[in-house]
């Protein structure tokens, strides 16, 4: 077989001529690249990332410093606007029957109050007894089964 090129028709459109020239140019570039070692292997038809150019003007350092200051300002303002810590419930203590079944002097009660304040105890739960079905307190001496409310 003959490897001669087949004659091309004389009349071709300008668009087809441009496409042919572009293909020839790409082929020449590909052949020229084939002689050098490729810098990066990339399959044809893959996504090609855009080239990023950094401006050589003197504005770049000012833009970087401005961006850093903006981030610092945002962090500072958000830190100032954050919600305050929610107040927690006060500390509490249970006092058992050894305290509630005894009669105490004013000095003993004052000493207990000072201890509670020193330990920042805001609530004291005092065990008295349990309530029976006839609405009387159980587990205490007779005739003392009524509850006196303390303020």
Protein backbone atom coordinates (compact mmCIF):
# COMPACT_ATOMS: atom_id res chain seq x y z
CA UNK A 1 0.00 0.00 0.00
CA UNK A 2 1.03 3.48 -0.64
CA UNK A 3 1.50 5.79 2.35
CA UNK A 4 0.94 8.87 0.28
CA UNK A 5 -1.53 11.40 1.48
CA UNK A 6 -4.77 11.42 -0.35
CA UNK A 7 -5.49 14.56 -2.28
CA UNK A 8 -7.70 16.96 -0.43
CA UNK A 9 -10.62 18.59 -2.10
CA UNK A 10 -9.84 22.08 -3.29
CA UNK A 11 -12.82 23.79 -1.80
CA UNK A 12 -12.98 23.83 2.01
CA UNK A 13 -14.71 26.18 4.37
CA UNK A 14 -12.71 28.60 6.51
CA UNK A 15 -13.96 27.04 9.73
CA UNK A 16 -12.79 23.59 8.65
CA UNK A 17 -9.45 25.04 7.66
CA UNK A 18 -9.04 26.62 11.12
CA UNK A 19 -9.89 23.31 12.81
CA UNK A 20 -7.32 21.49 10.63
CA UNK A 21 -4.61 24.06 11.42
CA UNK A 22 -5.43 23.88 15.14
CA UNK A 23 -5.15 20.08 15.12
CA UNK A 24 -1.82 20.30 13.29
CA UNK A 25 -0.54 22.83 15.83
CA UNK A 26 -1.63 20.59 18.73
CA UNK A 27 0.07 17.60 17.10
CA UNK A 28 3.33 19.57 16.73
CA UNK A 29 3.13 20.64 20.39
CA UNK A 30 2.45 17.06 21.48
CA UNK A 31 5.43 15.81 19.48
CA UNK A 32 7.64 18.53 20.97
CA UNK A 33 6.47 17.62 24.46
CA UNK A 34 7.13 13.96 23.78
CA UNK A 35 10.84 14.69 23.39
CA UNK A 36 11.07 16.19 26.89
CA UNK A 37 10.35 14.39 30.14
CA UNK A 38 6.79 15.19 31.22
CA UNK A 39 6.49 17.29 34.37
CA UNK A 40 3.24 15.72 35.41
CA UNK A 41 1.31 12.81 34.06
CA UNK A 42 -2.33 13.63 33.45
CA UNK A 43 -4.78 11.64 31.36
CA UNK A 44 -6.13 13.57 28.42
CA UNK A 45 -9.62 14.92 28.81
CA UNK A 46 -9.26 15.31 32.57
CA UNK A 47 -10.02 18.48 34.49
CA UNK A 48 -7.27 21.04 34.26
CA UNK A 49 -7.01 23.31 37.27
CA UNK A 50 -6.86 27.02 36.49
CA UNK A 51 -3.52 28.68 36.87
CA UNK A 52 -3.32 30.98 39.89
CA UNK A 53 -1.30 34.12 39.45
CA UNK A 54 -0.30 36.20 42.43
CA UNK A 55 -0.21 39.91 41.70
CA UNK A 56 3.23 41.44 42.07
CA UNK A 57 1.91 44.74 43.34
CA UNK A 58 2.69 46.15 46.78
CA UNK A 59 -0.92 45.70 47.88
CA UNK A 60 -0.54 42.01 48.69
CA UNK A 61 1.15 42.44 52.11
CA UNK A 62 -1.49 45.00 53.09
CA UNK A 63 -4.27 42.64 52.03
CA UNK A 64 -2.79 39.79 54.07
CA UNK A 65 -2.38 41.98 57.16
CA UNK A 66 -5.91 43.33 56.69
CA UNK A 67 -7.35 39.81 56.43
CA UNK A 68 -5.54 38.72 59.60
CA UNK A 69 -6.82 41.79 61.47
CA UNK A 70 -10.35 41.10 60.27
CA UNK A 71 -10.21 37.52 61.57
CA UNK A 72 -8.81 38.69 64.92
CA UNK A 73 -11.56 41.33 65.21
CA UNK A 74 -14.28 38.77 64.45
CA UNK A 75 -12.90 36.33 67.04
CA UNK A 76 -12.68 39.13 69.64
CA UNK A 77 -16.23 40.35 68.98
CA UNK A 78 -17.69 36.86 69.08
CA UNK A 79 -15.87 36.26 72.36
CA UNK A 80 -17.44 39.40 73.83
CA UNK A 81 -20.94 38.49 72.59
CA UNK A 82 -20.98 34.90 73.78
CA UNK A 83 -23.55 33.96 76.36
CA UNK A 84 -22.54 34.19 79.98
CA UNK A 85 -22.40 31.02 81.98
CA UNK A 86 -25.80 30.01 83.28
CA UNK A 87 -26.10 30.31 87.04
CA UNK A 88 -26.09 26.88 88.61
CA UNK A 89 -28.33 25.62 91.34
CA UNK A 90 -27.07 26.29 94.85
CA UNK A 91 -25.33 23.53 96.74
CA UNK A 92 -27.66 21.46 98.90
CA UNK A 93 -27.38 19.15 101.90
CA UNK A 94 -29.54 16.52 103.54
CA UNK A 95 -29.89 16.65 107.32
CA UNK A 96 -30.96 13.36 108.85
CA UNK A 97 -33.01 12.37 111.86
CA UNK A 98 -30.05 12.94 114.17
CA UNK A 99 -30.58 16.65 113.56
CA UNK A 100 -34.34 16.84 113.04
CA UNK A 101 -35.44 14.72 116.03
CA UNK A 102 -33.37 16.66 118.55
CA UNK A 103 -34.20 19.99 120.13
CA UNK A 104 -31.43 22.51 119.43
CA UNK A 105 -30.43 25.76 121.09
CA UNK A 106 -30.12 29.02 119.21
CA UNK A 107 -26.32 28.75 119.37
CA UNK A 108 -26.38 25.32 117.70
CA UNK A 109 -28.68 26.60 114.97
CA UNK A 110 -26.45 29.66 114.45
CA UNK A 111 -23.39 27.38 114.21
CA UNK A 112 -25.19 25.23 111.61
CA UNK A 113 -26.12 28.33 109.60
CA UNK A 114 -22.49 29.54 109.64
CA UNK A 115 -21.29 26.13 108.43
CA UNK A 116 -23.85 26.12 105.64
CA UNK A 117 -22.81 29.62 104.55
CA UNK A 118 -19.11 28.72 104.69
CA UNK A 119 -19.73 25.81 102.32
CA UNK A 120 -22.06 27.89 100.10
CA UNK A 121 -25.02 25.64 100.71
CA UNK A 122 -28.23 27.31 99.61
CA UNK A 123 -30.74 24.53 100.29
CA UNK A 124 -31.08 22.21 103.27
CA UNK A 125 -33.31 19.16 102.97
CA UNK A 126 -34.22 17.88 106.42
CA UNK A 127 -35.50 14.33 106.90
CA UNK A 128 -38.40 14.31 109.28
CA UNK A 129 -40.37 11.17 108.59
CA UNK A 130 -42.71 9.66 106.05
CA UNK A 131 -46.39 10.43 105.89
CA UNK A 132 -48.80 7.66 106.84
CA UNK A 133 -52.15 7.09 105.12
CA UNK A 134 -53.99 8.91 107.95
CA UNK A 135 -51.91 12.08 107.28
CA UNK A 136 -49.74 11.68 110.36
CA UNK A 137 -45.97 11.47 110.40
CA UNK A 138 -44.63 8.03 111.19
CA UNK A 139 -41.48 7.03 113.03
CA UNK A 140 -41.64 9.64 115.77
CA UNK A 141 -42.90 9.74 119.35
CA UNK A 142 -46.62 9.87 120.01
CA UNK A 143 -48.22 13.31 120.31
CA UNK A 144 -45.34 14.81 118.33
CA UNK A 145 -46.54 13.65 114.98
CA UNK A 146 -47.58 17.08 113.72
CA UNK A 147 -45.40 19.01 111.35
CA UNK A 148 -44.40 22.57 112.15
CA UNK A 149 -43.36 24.62 109.14
CA UNK A 150 -40.12 26.53 109.56
CA UNK A 151 -39.31 29.61 107.55
